[in-house]
Amino acid sequence: MPYIPERAFELISKAHEHGRLAHALLLSGPNARDLEQLVIKITWMLRGGDSDAGMNLFGEPEVVALPECIDDLESELVQVLRPVKKSRVITINAIRDVEERLHYGAGPEQWKVVILWDAHRMNLNAQNAFLKTLEEPPPRCLILLASG
């Protein structure tokens, strides 16, 4: 059943609050910008928003704005994978790199997030290689498969 991005985020947030967040979500929609904003909000929620922003020089909480694009989210705990080269496919080598990083340790309350942008662009070998991780992901890991 299709939802507008705000409703989808509301449902995902509630699932997370109740400890019932799935390990993978397939997100699609006709508007790539709305889809990107939904992915950003979900990732930001799992990262704890601006809770790790700290304090400014005056001892006030630092305000951190929501990132503008998914590439701004990339860090040790957030991986963004997009199609590359002229063929515009996601290759098996890229998938293997993602899988290797997924199995690195993280803090006990930290989530690892993988964003597969244009997930439908994975070639057959990449799909087969990713299947095992998709079926049995490491703990506290969310895989966001976004497809326009």
Protein backbone atom coordinates (compact mmCIF):
# COMPACT_ATOMS: atom_id res chain seq x y z
CA MET A 1 0.00 0.00 0.00
CA PRO A 2 1.53 3.35 -0.98
CA TYR A 3 2.08 6.04 1.63
CA ILE A 4 3.12 9.65 1.40
CA PRO A 5 6.66 10.13 2.76
CA GLU A 6 5.46 11.74 6.01
CA ARG A 7 3.17 8.82 6.81
CA ALA A 8 5.83 6.29 5.86
CA PHE A 9 8.31 7.98 8.21
CA GLU A 10 5.72 8.04 10.99
CA LEU A 11 5.15 4.28 10.68
CA ILE A 12 8.88 3.53 10.51
CA SER A 13 9.52 5.74 13.57
CA LYS A 14 6.86 3.93 15.56
CA ALA A 15 8.30 0.55 14.59
CA HIS A 16 11.73 1.72 15.75
CA GLU A 17 10.35 3.06 19.05
CA HIS A 18 8.73 -0.31 19.76
CA GLY A 19 11.84 -2.29 18.79
CA ARG A 20 10.11 -3.74 15.74
CA LEU A 21 12.08 -2.09 12.95
CA ALA A 22 12.75 -4.48 10.07
CA HIS A 23 16.34 -5.09 9.02
CA ALA A 24 15.59 -4.01 5.43
CA LEU A 25 13.13 -1.62 3.83
CA LEU A 26 12.27 -1.25 0.17
CA LEU A 27 11.32 2.34 -0.57
CA SER A 28 10.08 3.51 -3.94
CA GLY A 29 8.20 6.41 -5.38
CA PRO A 30 7.82 8.63 -8.41
CA ASN A 31 9.55 11.64 -6.85
CA ALA A 32 13.26 11.04 -6.27
CA ARG A 33 13.62 14.12 -4.04
CA ASP A 34 10.83 12.95 -1.68
CA LEU A 35 12.38 9.50 -1.60
CA GLU A 36 15.79 10.95 -0.78
CA GLN A 37 14.33 13.07 2.04
CA LEU A 38 12.62 10.00 3.50
CA VAL A 39 15.89 8.06 3.44
CA ILE A 40 17.67 11.00 5.11
CA LYS A 41 15.05 11.23 7.87
CA ILE A 42 15.17 7.50 8.59
CA THR A 43 18.97 7.47 8.72
CA TRP A 44 19.05 10.62 10.85
CA MET A 45 16.58 9.04 13.28
CA LEU A 46 18.76 5.94 13.69
CA ARG A 47 21.89 8.04 14.14
CA GLY A 48 20.16 9.82 16.99
CA GLY A 49 19.53 13.07 15.12
CA ASP A 50 21.68 15.83 16.50
CA SER A 51 22.18 14.15 19.90
CA ASP A 52 25.91 13.85 19.19
CA ALA A 53 26.28 17.47 18.15
CA GLY A 54 27.69 18.63 21.49
CA MET A 55 27.77 22.16 22.84
CA ASN A 56 28.85 25.45 21.33
CA LEU A 57 31.30 27.88 22.98
CA PHE A 58 28.53 29.31 25.17
CA GLY A 59 27.45 25.93 26.58
CA GLU A 60 24.27 25.79 24.51
CA PRO A 61 23.30 22.66 22.57
CA GLU A 62 24.64 22.78 19.04
CA VAL A 63 21.90 22.70 16.43
CA VAL A 64 22.67 20.47 13.48
CA ALA A 65 20.51 20.75 10.39
CA LEU A 66 19.23 17.73 8.53
CA PRO A 67 21.59 16.93 5.63
CA GLU A 68 20.56 18.05 2.16
CA CYS A 69 21.43 14.85 0.30
CA ILE A 70 22.16 11.24 1.15
CA ASP A 71 25.82 11.61 0.26
CA ASP A 72 26.18 13.99 3.24
CA LEU A 73 25.18 11.12 5.55
CA GLU A 74 28.09 8.88 4.60
CA SER A 75 30.28 7.98 7.57
CA GLU A 76 31.71 4.96 9.37
CA LEU A 77 28.19 3.80 10.17
CA VAL A 78 26.34 4.94 7.05
CA GLN A 79 27.21 3.67 3.59
CA VAL A 80 25.70 4.97 0.38
CA LEU A 81 25.93 2.80 -2.69
CA ARG A 82 24.92 4.11 -6.10
CA PRO A 83 25.26 2.82 -9.65
CA VAL A 84 28.61 3.76 -11.21
CA LYS A 85 30.30 4.07 -14.56
CA LYS A 86 28.63 4.42 -17.92
CA SER A 87 26.75 1.15 -17.50
CA ARG A 88 24.95 2.61 -14.44
CA VAL A 89 25.00 -0.68 -12.52
CA ILE A 90 25.87 -1.70 -8.99
CA THR A 91 28.59 -4.32 -9.27
CA ILE A 92 29.47 -7.35 -7.18
CA ASN A 93 32.70 -5.67 -6.02
CA ALA A 94 30.74 -2.74 -4.60
CA ILE A 95 28.41 -5.16 -2.81
CA ARG A 96 31.35 -7.08 -1.35
CA ASP A 97 32.81 -3.83 0.01
CA VAL A 98 29.48 -3.01 1.65
CA GLU A 99 29.19 -6.49 3.17
CA GLU A 100 32.70 -6.31 4.57
CA ARG A 101 32.03 -2.95 6.25
CA LEU A 102 28.71 -4.18 7.64
CA HIS A 103 30.51 -6.78 9.71
CA TYR A 104 32.80 -4.24 11.40
CA GLY A 105 31.92 -3.66 15.03
CA ALA A 106 29.93 -0.65 16.18
CA GLY A 107 28.93 0.66 19.58
CA PRO A 108 26.22 -1.20 21.50
CA GLU A 109 23.56 1.43 20.73
CA GLN A 110 24.74 2.37 17.26
CA TRP A 111 22.99 1.40 14.06
CA LYS A 112 24.76 0.66 10.79
CA VAL A 113 22.83 1.83 7.74
CA VAL A 114 23.35 0.86 4.12
CA ILE A 115 21.56 2.92 1.50
CA LEU A 116 21.33 1.21 -1.88
CA TRP A 117 20.20 4.03 -4.14
CA ASP A 118 18.70 2.77 -7.40
CA ALA A 119 18.79 -0.75 -5.99
CA HIS A 120 17.12 -2.04 -9.14
CA ARG A 121 20.42 -1.32 -10.93
CA MET A 122 22.28 -4.21 -9.24
CA ASN A 123 23.56 -6.68 -11.80
CA LEU A 124 22.74 -10.36 -11.39
CA ASN A 125 26.03 -11.23 -9.69
CA ALA A 126 25.61 -8.35 -7.23
CA GLN A 127 22.05 -9.48 -6.45
CA ASN A 128 23.17 -13.02 -5.72
CA ALA A 129 26.09 -11.84 -3.58
CA PHE A 130 23.85 -9.53 -1.57
CA LEU A 131 21.11 -12.08 -0.95
CA LYS A 132 22.81 -13.73 2.06
CA THR A 133 23.35 -10.37 3.78
CA LEU A 134 19.79 -9.34 3.04
CA GLU A 135 18.46 -12.57 4.55
CA GLU A 136 20.76 -12.60 7.59
CA PRO A 137 22.12 -9.11 8.31
CA PRO A 138 24.38 -8.31 11.25
CA PRO A 139 22.62 -7.01 14.38
CA ARG A 140 21.51 -3.36 14.53
CA CYS A 141 21.80 -2.97 10.80
CA LEU A 142 19.27 -1.38 8.47
CA ILE A 143 19.40 -1.81 4.72
CA LEU A 144 17.45 0.78 2.77
CA LEU A 145 16.79 -0.26 -0.81
CA ALA A 146 15.62 2.84 -2.68
CA SER A 147 14.24 2.56 -6.18
CA GLY A 148 12.51 5.27 -8.16
